[in-house]
Amino acid sequence: MSSTANGDYIIVTWAEGDPENPMNWPKSKKWMTTMLLCLMCLFIGLSTAGYSAGITRMTEELGVSVEAGQVGMFVFNASFAIVPLFLGPLSEFLGRNLVYLGCYAMFCIWFIPIALAKNIGTAIVCRFLSGCFGAAGTTIIPGTLGDIWPTNQRGIPVACFSFVAVLGTVAAPLYNGYVDQNLGWRWIEWIQLIANGALFICELVFLRETRGSLLLSRRAQKMRKETGDQRYRAPSDLEAPSIKSLLHASTTRAALLLVHEPVVFFFSLWLAFAWAMVFLFFSVIPLTFVGNHGFSEGTGGLPYISCIIGTLFGLAACFHQKHLYDAATRKNNGIPVPEARLYWSTAGAILLPVSLFWFSWTQFPSIHWIVPCISLCPLVFAIYMIFDAVQNYLADGYGEYASSAISAQGFIRNMLAASFPLFSRQMFVNMKYQWAGTMLALIATVMIPLPFILIKYGKRIRARSPYAAATTKLDTAGDEKKEKDAESASDSQDAC
């Protein structure tokens, strides 16, 4: 513990090397926290996609159209777009753990009324509420990783988060088709309840608070109680804004960044389009392999193995991406370079339209099913690379405004992903597979230059941004240091 007098208060701060400071936790504890959060994100992702596998049978039993069932997908993802704008400030005000555990407990509960639903209205409302509470277990995880990992060590933990975020979404149809085929759609929900309930118990036992300012506030409160001296205060106690101002700042700042920051706007659109492809293919893959190639409902989920392989390749590429980032940091006198997060995303930018063209123009019953199946691997690899790059770049490039930038892209990403399942089936049937896929591939082609432009001009763009100024100053400081070193060397040569 460290404390300093400040007028009428004694300020409680972290002493150097304080083991209670989350930044000083042993790596084993940091990784345990990271893995617990990643498992929560994985299981919530599985439930996101698991619902889609049972939509056809559910709507048949409840006597409504498939489109009405797809509304359950829409409201779930739409809640992921809106609720995080409020969850982020709440987690800073109340603590990460209270938000995680409270929301995850409620998320588990909503599986019960969905499984017991007697009409589509019940299923849709409960899906919306499930999404509202499930959003905490995915969207505020990058903030928690920032609580415990310094910037130069955050690459692999964020890559693990990106991995489970993508894997959880693409893996669910692999087995849920068999569950729906053999046990019925209600058992999809019961199985998810059992799995998430077991994980909740683990989270309750092992997950620890990571918000450093809140831990200091609790320490100061404990010292006031033990000593009777009411002067002990944490820095956040003196400058903490009200929850109202936090919520206002969170919602308005995210909107401001979308309007005033071209990087945030275009990167949000890029990631939103890529992420929407995942949800679009929940409808398209069954159309392709069940419709064109005669797969059964259960077997129709097996092409998702190709998607899972794509995520594994993506995780491997993230290790090389970290190597490139570390090399760029060393070259810049140890000062992080946000643009170095984007190198592998250039491959994702190119592979996304290539794999969409590949998939769409192999949609003929005469072409062996393995050909479009293989195309899903580079497609998901590309989505993973884009997802990981955008998350890391916004976190590095916008410093203290990173949470607002990530909230802004999360809003665009989840709203677009929510809308695509509502029309994807009709689009591919009416436009025909080839031309619907070609239209999407052409949109992805237009977006190819984005990472290349930022790699080359990103530093200049950030230099002109008031929101990226904190990070830009670090880069500028690095440049000034280089200039001073060069001047010193020049002076030495002149003296000689």
Protein backbone atom coordinates (compact mmCIF):
# COMPACT_ATOMS: atom_id res chain seq x y z
CA MET A 1 0.00 0.00 0.00
CA SER A 2 1.09 3.57 -0.62
CA SER A 3 -0.57 6.70 0.78
CA THR A 4 0.10 10.40 0.49
CA ALA A 5 -1.42 13.38 2.27
CA ASN A 6 -3.46 15.71 0.10
CA GLY A 7 -5.09 18.53 2.05
CA ASP A 8 -7.96 17.04 4.03
CA TYR A 9 -7.43 13.53 2.64
CA ILE A 10 -4.90 10.71 2.75
CA ILE A 11 -4.75 9.29 -0.76
CA VAL A 12 -4.44 5.50 -0.96
CA THR A 13 -2.56 4.31 -4.07
CA TRP A 14 -0.77 1.20 -5.24
CA ALA A 15 2.76 0.71 -4.00
CA GLU A 16 5.26 -0.56 -6.54
CA GLY A 17 4.88 -4.31 -6.90
CA ASP A 18 1.73 -4.47 -4.75
CA PRO A 19 0.44 -8.05 -5.23
CA GLU A 20 -3.20 -6.93 -4.93
CA ASN A 21 -2.85 -4.66 -7.96
CA PRO A 22 -4.34 -6.67 -10.86
CA MET A 23 -1.48 -5.50 -13.08
CA ASN A 24 0.93 -7.22 -10.66
CA TRP A 25 -0.93 -10.50 -10.40
CA PRO A 26 1.13 -13.62 -11.19
CA LYS A 27 0.77 -14.70 -14.80
CA SER A 28 -0.94 -17.89 -13.64
CA LYS A 29 -3.72 -15.83 -12.02
CA LYS A 30 -3.97 -13.55 -15.05
CA TRP A 31 -4.30 -16.53 -17.37
CA MET A 32 -6.86 -18.20 -15.12
CA THR A 33 -8.96 -15.02 -15.24
CA THR A 34 -8.50 -14.79 -19.01
CA MET A 35 -9.54 -18.42 -19.51
CA LEU A 36 -12.62 -18.05 -17.27
CA LEU A 37 -13.73 -15.04 -19.28
CA CYS A 38 -13.00 -16.78 -22.58
CA LEU A 39 -15.06 -19.81 -21.53
CA MET A 40 -17.95 -17.53 -20.59
CA CYS A 41 -17.70 -15.84 -23.99
CA LEU A 42 -17.51 -19.24 -25.73
CA PHE A 43 -20.62 -20.63 -24.03
CA ILE A 44 -22.63 -17.46 -24.67
CA GLY A 45 -21.54 -17.59 -28.31
CA LEU A 46 -22.68 -21.21 -28.57
CA SER A 47 -26.11 -20.21 -27.33
CA THR A 48 -26.24 -17.38 -29.86
CA ALA A 49 -25.92 -19.79 -32.75
CA GLY A 50 -27.54 -22.78 -31.07
CA TYR A 51 -30.97 -21.19 -31.32
CA SER A 52 -30.63 -20.93 -35.11
CA ALA A 53 -30.26 -24.71 -35.48
CA GLY A 54 -33.74 -25.34 -34.08
CA ILE A 55 -35.65 -22.52 -35.77
CA THR A 56 -37.28 -24.66 -38.49
CA ARG A 57 -38.72 -27.27 -36.13
CA MET A 58 -39.61 -24.68 -33.51
CA THR A 59 -41.63 -22.60 -35.99
CA GLU A 60 -43.35 -25.72 -37.33
CA GLU A 61 -44.40 -26.74 -33.81
CA LEU A 62 -45.52 -23.22 -32.84
CA GLY A 63 -47.33 -22.70 -36.15
CA VAL A 64 -45.49 -19.61 -37.41
CA SER A 65 -43.21 -18.79 -40.34
CA VAL A 66 -39.44 -19.32 -40.28
CA GLU A 67 -39.06 -15.55 -40.64
CA ALA A 68 -40.94 -15.09 -37.35
CA GLY A 69 -38.50 -17.50 -35.71
CA GLN A 70 -35.57 -15.51 -37.10
CA VAL A 71 -36.77 -12.53 -35.08
CA GLY A 72 -35.39 -14.38 -32.06
CA MET A 73 -31.94 -14.10 -33.65
CA PHE A 74 -32.50 -10.43 -34.43
CA VAL A 75 -33.52 -9.35 -30.93
CA PHE A 76 -30.69 -11.31 -29.30
CA ASN A 77 -28.02 -9.62 -31.42
CA ALA A 78 -29.74 -6.24 -31.29
CA SER A 79 -29.55 -6.35 -27.51
CA PHE A 80 -25.80 -7.03 -27.85
CA ALA A 81 -25.57 -3.77 -29.78
CA ILE A 82 -27.41 -1.56 -27.29
CA VAL A 83 -26.87 -2.98 -23.80
CA PRO A 84 -23.03 -2.74 -23.76
CA LEU A 85 -23.32 1.06 -23.96
CA PHE A 86 -24.67 0.83 -20.42
CA LEU A 87 -22.82 -2.24 -19.13
CA GLY A 88 -19.37 -0.69 -19.62
CA PRO A 89 -20.02 2.28 -17.31
CA LEU A 90 -21.83 0.03 -14.81
CA SER A 91 -18.83 -2.31 -14.63
CA GLU A 92 -16.58 0.68 -13.91
CA PHE A 93 -18.95 2.02 -11.25
CA LEU A 94 -20.04 -1.25 -9.58
CA GLY A 95 -17.10 -3.50 -10.46
CA ARG A 96 -16.56 -6.06 -13.20
CA ASN A 97 -17.41 -9.11 -11.09
CA LEU A 98 -20.82 -7.92 -9.94
CA VAL A 99 -21.82 -7.20 -13.52
CA TYR A 100 -20.37 -10.46 -14.88
CA LEU A 101 -21.84 -12.76 -12.25
CA GLY A 102 -25.19 -11.01 -11.91
CA CYS A 103 -25.75 -10.91 -15.65
CA TYR A 104 -24.48 -14.45 -16.25
CA ALA A 105 -26.83 -15.86 -13.59
CA MET A 106 -29.78 -14.17 -15.29
CA PHE A 107 -28.56 -15.31 -18.70
CA CYS A 108 -28.71 -18.93 -17.50
CA ILE A 109 -32.23 -18.52 -16.12
CA TRP A 110 -33.73 -17.39 -19.44
CA PHE A 111 -33.02 -20.75 -21.07
CA ILE A 112 -35.88 -22.21 -19.00
CA PRO A 113 -38.80 -20.18 -20.41
CA ILE A 114 -37.39 -20.51 -23.96
CA ALA A 115 -37.32 -24.31 -23.60
CA LEU A 116 -40.87 -24.29 -22.21
CA ALA A 117 -42.28 -21.72 -24.67
CA LYS A 118 -45.79 -22.43 -25.97
CA ASN A 119 -45.83 -19.56 -28.47
CA ILE A 120 -43.35 -17.57 -30.54
CA GLY A 121 -43.91 -14.39 -28.52
CA THR A 122 -42.54 -16.01 -25.38
CA ALA A 123 -39.48 -17.29 -27.25
CA ILE A 124 -38.74 -13.88 -28.78
CA VAL A 125 -39.14 -11.91 -25.55
CA CYS A 126 -37.00 -14.36 -23.60
CA ARG A 127 -34.35 -14.34 -26.32
CA PHE A 128 -34.21 -10.57 -26.06
CA LEU A 129 -33.79 -10.72 -22.28
CA SER A 130 -31.24 -13.50 -22.65
CA GLY A 131 -29.23 -11.28 -25.00
CA CYS A 132 -29.44 -8.30 -22.63
CA PHE A 133 -27.80 -10.29 -19.85
CA GLY A 134 -25.49 -12.33 -22.10
CA ALA A 135 -23.93 -9.18 -23.55
CA ALA A 136 -21.88 -8.67 -20.36
CA GLY A 137 -20.04 -11.95 -20.87
CA THR A 138 -18.69 -10.90 -24.25
CA THR A 139 -18.61 -7.17 -24.81
CA ILE A 140 -16.83 -5.92 -21.66
CA ILE A 141 -14.15 -8.62 -21.70
CA PRO A 142 -11.64 -6.44 -23.61
CA GLY A 143 -11.90 -3.88 -20.79
CA THR A 144 -11.17 -6.57 -18.21
CA LEU A 145 -8.16 -7.79 -20.19
CA GLY A 146 -6.93 -4.18 -20.15
CA ASP A 147 -7.23 -4.24 -16.33
CA ILE A 148 -4.72 -7.06 -15.94
CA TRP A 149 -2.51 -7.11 -19.06
CA PRO A 150 -0.17 -4.27 -20.08
CA THR A 151 -0.32 -3.22 -23.73
CA ASN A 152 2.79 -5.12 -24.80
CA GLN A 153 1.39 -8.39 -23.36
CA ARG A 154 -2.23 -7.99 -24.40
CA GLY A 155 -1.95 -9.38 -27.95
CA ILE A 156 -2.30 -13.10 -27.16
CA PRO A 157 -5.05 -12.69 -24.50
CA VAL A 158 -7.10 -10.59 -26.95
CA ALA A 159 -6.37 -13.20 -29.66
CA CYS A 160 -7.79 -15.87 -27.32
CA PHE A 161 -10.89 -13.72 -26.78
CA SER A 162 -11.27 -13.24 -30.54
CA PHE A 163 -10.79 -16.99 -31.02
CA VAL A 164 -13.62 -18.00 -28.66
CA ALA A 165 -15.87 -15.18 -29.92
CA VAL A 166 -15.63 -16.56 -33.46
CA LEU A 167 -15.41 -20.25 -32.47
CA GLY A 168 -18.48 -20.10 -30.22
CA THR A 169 -20.51 -18.59 -33.04
CA VAL A 170 -19.46 -21.05 -35.78
CA ALA A 171 -19.20 -24.26 -33.71
CA ALA A 172 -22.75 -24.49 -32.35
CA PRO A 173 -24.42 -25.73 -35.59
CA LEU A 174 -21.90 -28.59 -35.73
CA TYR A 175 -23.69 -30.52 -32.96
CA ASN A 176 -27.00 -28.72 -32.48
CA GLY A 177 -28.28 -30.08 -35.78
CA TYR A 178 -28.01 -33.59 -34.33
CA VAL A 179 -29.63 -32.45 -31.07
CA ASP A 180 -32.55 -30.94 -32.97
CA GLN A 181 -32.84 -33.98 -35.25
CA ASN A 182 -32.81 -36.58 -32.46
CA LEU A 183 -34.09 -34.81 -29.33
CA GLY A 184 -35.95 -31.74 -30.56
CA TRP A 185 -35.36 -28.01 -30.45
CA ARG A 186 -36.26 -27.67 -26.77
CA TRP A 187 -33.32 -29.85 -25.78
CA ILE A 188 -30.96 -27.37 -27.44
CA GLU A 189 -31.99 -24.94 -24.71
CA TRP A 190 -31.87 -27.51 -21.89
CA ILE A 191 -28.35 -28.61 -22.83
CA GLN A 192 -27.20 -25.00 -22.92
CA LEU A 193 -28.75 -24.41 -19.50
CA ILE A 194 -26.83 -27.35 -18.02
CA ALA A 195 -23.51 -26.30 -19.59
CA ASN A 196 -23.83 -22.61 -18.70
CA GLY A 197 -25.08 -23.39 -15.20
CA ALA A 198 -22.02 -25.54 -14.49
CA LEU A 199 -19.71 -22.82 -15.82
CA PHE A 200 -21.49 -20.17 -13.73
CA ILE A 201 -20.58 -22.09 -10.57
CA CYS A 202 -16.92 -22.10 -11.66
CA GLU A 203 -17.06 -18.35 -12.38
CA LEU A 204 -18.65 -17.71 -8.99
CA VAL A 205 -15.88 -19.60 -7.18
CA PHE A 206 -12.77 -18.55 -9.11
CA LEU A 207 -13.39 -15.20 -10.87
CA ARG A 208 -11.90 -12.18 -9.05
CA GLU A 209 -12.44 -8.43 -9.34
CA THR A 210 -10.00 -6.80 -11.78
CA ARG A 211 -11.02 -3.13 -11.60
CA GLY A 212 -7.99 -1.54 -9.88
CA SER A 213 -9.73 1.72 -8.93
CA LEU A 214 -12.54 -0.21 -7.23
CA LEU A 215 -10.07 -2.38 -5.30
CA LEU A 216 -8.30 0.75 -4.06
CA SER A 217 -11.63 2.23 -3.02
CA ARG A 218 -12.43 -0.92 -1.03
CA ARG A 219 -8.99 -0.77 0.59
CA ALA A 220 -9.51 2.85 1.62
CA GLN A 221 -12.94 1.97 3.01
CA LYS A 222 -11.39 -0.85 5.05
CA MET A 223 -8.71 1.50 6.41
CA ARG A 224 -11.35 4.06 7.45
CA LYS A 225 -13.18 1.32 9.32
CA GLU A 226 -10.06 -0.11 10.99
CA THR A 227 -8.45 3.19 11.98
CA GLY A 228 -11.49 5.40 12.45
CA ASP A 229 -9.70 7.99 10.31
CA GLN A 230 -12.13 9.20 7.67
CA ARG A 231 -9.43 10.90 5.61
CA TYR A 232 -8.38 7.73 3.77
CA ARG A 233 -9.61 7.92 0.20
CA ALA A 234 -8.79 6.26 -3.11
CA PRO A 235 -8.22 8.58 -6.09
CA SER A 236 -11.47 7.36 -7.64
CA ASP A 237 -13.37 8.35 -4.48
CA LEU A 238 -12.41 11.98 -5.05
CA GLU A 239 -12.91 12.18 -8.77
CA ALA A 240 -15.48 9.47 -9.47
CA PRO A 241 -18.33 10.80 -11.63
CA SER A 242 -21.92 9.82 -10.97
CA ILE A 243 -23.40 6.82 -12.72
CA LYS A 244 -25.61 9.24 -14.68
CA SER A 245 -22.60 11.10 -16.07
CA LEU A 246 -20.83 7.82 -16.84
CA LEU A 247 -23.81 6.55 -18.82
CA HIS A 248 -24.14 9.87 -20.63
CA ALA A 249 -20.45 9.89 -21.52
CA SER A 250 -20.55 6.29 -22.70
CA THR A 251 -23.49 6.72 -25.06
CA THR A 252 -22.66 10.18 -26.41
CA ARG A 253 -18.92 9.58 -26.80
CA ALA A 254 -19.48 6.38 -28.78
CA ALA A 255 -21.81 8.30 -31.11
CA LEU A 256 -19.33 11.17 -31.41
CA LEU A 257 -16.53 8.80 -32.35
CA LEU A 258 -18.65 7.22 -35.06
CA VAL A 259 -19.49 10.64 -36.50
CA HIS A 260 -16.16 12.43 -36.12
CA GLU A 261 -13.60 9.62 -36.43
CA PRO A 262 -13.33 8.14 -39.94
CA VAL A 263 -11.14 5.31 -38.63
CA VAL A 264 -13.75 4.23 -36.09
CA PHE A 265 -16.56 4.57 -38.64
CA PHE A 266 -14.94 2.65 -41.50
CA PHE A 267 -13.36 0.01 -39.28
CA SER A 268 -16.75 -0.50 -37.61
CA LEU A 269 -18.39 -0.99 -41.01
CA TRP A 270 -15.62 -3.36 -42.11
CA LEU A 271 -15.88 -5.54 -39.01
CA ALA A 272 -19.68 -5.31 -39.03
CA PHE A 273 -19.86 -6.61 -42.58
CA ALA A 274 -17.40 -9.43 -41.84
CA TRP A 275 -19.26 -10.40 -38.66
CA ALA A 276 -22.61 -10.31 -40.45
CA MET A 277 -21.27 -13.00 -42.80
CA VAL A 278 -21.14 -15.42 -39.86
CA PHE A 279 -24.84 -14.96 -39.16
CA LEU A 280 -25.80 -14.90 -42.82
CA PHE A 281 -24.21 -18.32 -43.28
CA PHE A 282 -26.37 -19.83 -40.53
CA SER A 283 -29.11 -19.74 -43.17
CA VAL A 284 -26.96 -20.22 -46.27
CA ILE A 285 -25.03 -23.33 -45.21
CA PRO A 286 -28.20 -25.43 -44.66
CA LEU A 287 -29.54 -24.15 -48.00
CA THR A 288 -26.35 -25.25 -49.71
CA PHE A 289 -25.64 -28.63 -48.19
CA VAL A 290 -29.14 -29.82 -47.26
CA GLY A 291 -30.78 -28.32 -50.36
CA ASN A 292 -28.13 -28.82 -53.06
CA HIS A 293 -26.38 -31.92 -51.79
CA GLY A 294 -29.07 -33.81 -49.88
CA PHE A 295 -27.46 -33.76 -46.41
CA SER A 296 -29.63 -34.62 -43.42
CA GLU A 297 -30.23 -31.94 -40.79
CA GLY A 298 -27.52 -33.34 -38.49
CA THR A 299 -25.00 -33.96 -41.27
CA GLY A 300 -25.74 -30.47 -42.59
CA GLY A 301 -23.80 -29.09 -39.61
CA LEU A 302 -20.59 -30.94 -40.49
CA PRO A 303 -19.36 -28.24 -42.93
CA TYR A 304 -18.82 -26.11 -39.82
CA ILE A 305 -15.75 -28.25 -39.19
CA SER A 306 -14.16 -26.23 -41.99
CA CYS A 307 -15.12 -23.05 -40.11
CA ILE A 308 -13.54 -24.36 -36.92
CA ILE A 309 -10.32 -25.16 -38.79
CA GLY A 310 -10.35 -21.57 -40.04
CA THR A 311 -10.46 -20.27 -36.46
CA LEU A 312 -7.51 -22.52 -35.52
CA PHE A 313 -5.47 -21.12 -38.40
CA GLY A 314 -6.47 -17.65 -37.23
CA LEU A 315 -5.24 -18.33 -33.70
CA ALA A 316 -1.90 -19.57 -35.08
CA ALA A 317 -1.58 -16.42 -37.21
CA CYS A 318 -2.15 -14.28 -34.10
CA PHE A 319 1.06 -15.64 -32.56
CA HIS A 320 2.98 -14.47 -35.62
CA GLN A 321 1.08 -11.17 -35.49
CA LYS A 322 2.34 -10.69 -31.92
CA HIS A 323 5.89 -11.31 -33.12
CA LEU A 324 5.48 -8.63 -35.78
CA TYR A 325 3.97 -6.21 -33.26
CA ASP A 326 6.80 -6.78 -30.78
CA ALA A 327 9.37 -6.23 -33.52
CA ALA A 328 7.73 -2.94 -34.53
CA THR A 329 7.64 -1.83 -30.87
CA ARG A 330 11.35 -2.56 -30.40
CA LYS A 331 12.15 -0.68 -33.61
CA ASN A 332 10.18 2.31 -32.25
CA ASN A 333 12.31 2.53 -29.08
CA GLY A 334 9.89 0.38 -27.09
CA ILE A 335 6.89 2.60 -27.87
CA PRO A 336 3.81 0.67 -29.12
CA VAL A 337 2.79 1.19 -32.74
CA PRO A 338 -0.99 0.60 -33.14
CA GLU A 339 -0.67 0.11 -36.92
CA ALA A 340 1.54 -2.93 -36.27
CA ARG A 341 -1.64 -4.70 -35.09
CA LEU A 342 -2.96 -4.72 -38.68
CA TYR A 343 -0.42 -6.76 -40.65
CA TRP A 344 -2.33 -10.04 -40.74
CA SER A 345 -5.64 -8.25 -41.27
CA THR A 346 -4.39 -7.46 -44.80
CA ALA A 347 -4.60 -11.19 -45.53
CA GLY A 348 -8.11 -11.22 -44.05
CA ALA A 349 -9.13 -8.28 -46.21
CA ILE A 350 -8.08 -10.14 -49.39
CA LEU A 351 -9.35 -13.59 -48.40
CA LEU A 352 -12.84 -12.39 -47.44
CA PRO A 353 -13.98 -11.52 -51.00
CA VAL A 354 -11.96 -14.40 -52.48
CA SER A 355 -13.70 -16.97 -50.28
CA LEU A 356 -17.12 -15.38 -50.93
CA PHE A 357 -16.55 -15.64 -54.70
CA TRP A 358 -15.31 -19.20 -54.22
CA PHE A 359 -18.32 -20.26 -52.16
CA SER A 360 -20.93 -18.57 -54.36
CA TRP A 361 -19.68 -19.92 -57.70
CA THR A 362 -19.43 -23.51 -56.52
CA GLN A 363 -23.13 -23.60 -55.61
CA PHE A 364 -24.18 -26.24 -58.13
CA PRO A 365 -25.36 -29.77 -57.34
CA SER A 366 -22.95 -31.02 -60.00
CA ILE A 367 -19.92 -29.71 -58.05
CA HIS A 368 -18.76 -31.96 -55.22
CA TRP A 369 -19.80 -30.70 -51.77
CA ILE A 370 -16.20 -30.59 -50.56
CA VAL A 371 -15.41 -27.61 -52.84
CA PRO A 372 -17.76 -25.05 -51.21
CA CYS A 373 -17.05 -26.67 -47.86
CA ILE A 374 -13.32 -25.89 -48.13
CA SER A 375 -14.09 -22.25 -48.95
CA LEU A 376 -15.56 -21.80 -45.46
CA CYS A 377 -12.09 -22.21 -43.92
CA PRO A 378 -10.48 -19.08 -45.47
CA LEU A 379 -13.79 -17.23 -45.00
CA VAL A 380 -13.77 -17.70 -41.22
CA PHE A 381 -10.00 -17.18 -41.08
CA ALA A 382 -10.51 -13.79 -42.74
CA ILE A 383 -13.31 -12.85 -40.34
CA TYR A 384 -11.12 -13.80 -37.37
CA MET A 385 -8.18 -11.72 -38.61
CA ILE A 386 -10.42 -8.69 -39.13
CA PHE A 387 -12.12 -9.11 -35.74
CA ASP A 388 -8.82 -9.41 -33.85
CA ALA A 389 -7.15 -6.53 -35.70
CA VAL A 390 -10.00 -4.07 -35.21
CA GLN A 391 -10.34 -4.88 -31.49
CA ASN A 392 -6.60 -4.46 -30.89
CA TYR A 393 -6.17 -1.39 -33.08
CA LEU A 394 -9.00 0.56 -31.47
CA ALA A 395 -7.72 -0.40 -28.00
CA ASP A 396 -4.19 0.78 -28.82
CA GLY A 397 -5.02 3.72 -31.05
CA TYR A 398 -7.60 5.47 -28.88
CA GLY A 399 -6.08 5.17 -25.41
CA GLU A 400 -8.52 6.47 -22.78
CA TYR A 401 -11.30 6.58 -25.41
CA ALA A 402 -10.76 2.94 -26.40
CA SER A 403 -13.84 1.65 -24.57
CA SER A 404 -16.02 4.18 -26.39
CA ALA A 405 -14.45 3.29 -29.75
CA ILE A 406 -14.99 -0.43 -29.10
CA SER A 407 -18.58 0.24 -27.97
CA ALA A 408 -19.20 2.16 -31.20
CA GLN A 409 -17.94 -0.67 -33.39
CA GLY A 410 -19.82 -3.19 -31.26
CA PHE A 411 -23.06 -1.30 -31.86
CA ILE A 412 -22.61 -1.28 -35.65
CA ARG A 413 -21.32 -4.87 -35.74
CA ASN A 414 -24.14 -6.42 -33.73
CA MET A 415 -26.94 -4.41 -35.37
CA LEU A 416 -25.81 -5.47 -38.83
CA ALA A 417 -25.31 -9.06 -37.70
CA ALA A 418 -28.79 -8.99 -36.15
CA SER A 419 -30.43 -7.91 -39.40
CA PHE A 420 -28.77 -10.29 -41.87
CA PRO A 421 -30.58 -13.52 -40.84
CA LEU A 422 -33.91 -11.77 -41.50
CA PHE A 423 -33.30 -11.65 -45.25
CA SER A 424 -30.34 -13.93 -46.05
CA ARG A 425 -32.44 -16.97 -47.01
CA GLN A 426 -34.68 -14.95 -49.31
CA MET A 427 -31.70 -13.16 -50.83
CA PHE A 428 -29.89 -16.37 -51.78
CA VAL A 429 -33.06 -18.06 -53.05
CA ASN A 430 -34.39 -15.11 -55.09
CA MET A 431 -31.11 -13.73 -56.39
CA LYS A 432 -29.69 -17.25 -56.79
CA TYR A 433 -26.68 -18.39 -54.80
CA GLN A 434 -24.11 -17.20 -57.33
CA TRP A 435 -25.27 -13.60 -57.68
CA ALA A 436 -26.13 -13.09 -54.03
CA GLY A 437 -22.63 -14.27 -53.09
CA THR A 438 -21.08 -12.13 -55.83
CA MET A 439 -22.79 -9.00 -54.50
CA LEU A 440 -21.37 -9.67 -51.02
CA ALA A 441 -17.93 -10.41 -52.45
CA LEU A 442 -17.92 -7.11 -54.36
CA ILE A 443 -18.77 -5.19 -51.17
CA ALA A 444 -15.89 -6.97 -49.40
CA THR A 445 -13.60 -6.10 -52.34
CA VAL A 446 -14.30 -2.39 -51.90
CA MET A 447 -13.12 -2.69 -48.30
CA ILE A 448 -9.76 -4.32 -49.10
CA PRO A 449 -7.73 -1.06 -48.98
CA LEU A 450 -8.72 -0.19 -45.39
CA PRO A 451 -5.90 -1.92 -43.47
CA PHE A 452 -3.32 -1.01 -46.12
CA ILE A 453 -4.25 2.68 -45.86
CA LEU A 454 -3.97 2.67 -42.08
CA ILE A 455 -0.67 0.79 -42.04
CA LYS A 456 0.79 3.50 -44.28
CA TYR A 457 -1.03 6.64 -43.07
CA GLY A 458 -2.47 5.65 -39.68
CA LYS A 459 0.02 7.63 -37.64
CA ARG A 460 -0.72 10.83 -39.56
CA ILE A 461 -4.46 10.25 -39.23
CA ARG A 462 -4.15 9.76 -35.47
CA ALA A 463 -2.00 12.88 -35.20
CA ARG A 464 -4.96 14.93 -36.44
CA SER A 465 -7.45 13.26 -34.11
CA PRO A 466 -8.22 14.79 -30.70
CA TYR A 467 -9.44 11.40 -29.47
CA ALA A 468 -6.28 9.51 -30.43
CA ALA A 469 -4.01 12.24 -29.07
CA ALA A 470 -2.90 10.31 -25.98
CA THR A 471 -1.43 7.51 -28.05
CA THR A 472 -0.12 9.87 -30.71
CA LYS A 473 1.90 11.70 -28.07
CA LEU A 474 3.58 8.43 -27.22
CA ASP A 475 4.56 7.95 -30.83
CA THR A 476 5.69 11.55 -31.06
CA ALA A 477 7.73 11.09 -27.94
CA GLY A 478 9.42 8.15 -29.58
CA ASP A 479 10.21 10.24 -32.66
CA GLU A 480 11.54 13.09 -30.52
CA LYS A 481 13.75 10.66 -28.67
CA LYS A 482 15.15 9.40 -31.96
CA GLU A 483 15.76 12.99 -33.10
CA LYS A 484 17.51 13.89 -29.84
CA ASP A 485 19.69 10.77 -30.09
CA ALA A 486 20.60 11.72 -33.64
CA GLU A 487 21.37 15.31 -32.58
CA SER A 488 23.54 14.07 -29.73
CA ALA A 489 25.44 11.79 -32.06
CA SER A 490 25.89 14.70 -34.52
CA ASP A 491 27.17 16.99 -31.72
CA SER A 492 29.64 14.33 -30.64
CA GLN A 493 30.97 14.01 -34.18
CA ASP A 494 31.29 17.82 -34.44
CA ALA A 495 33.23 17.91 -31.16
CA CYS A 496 35.61 15.29 -32.42
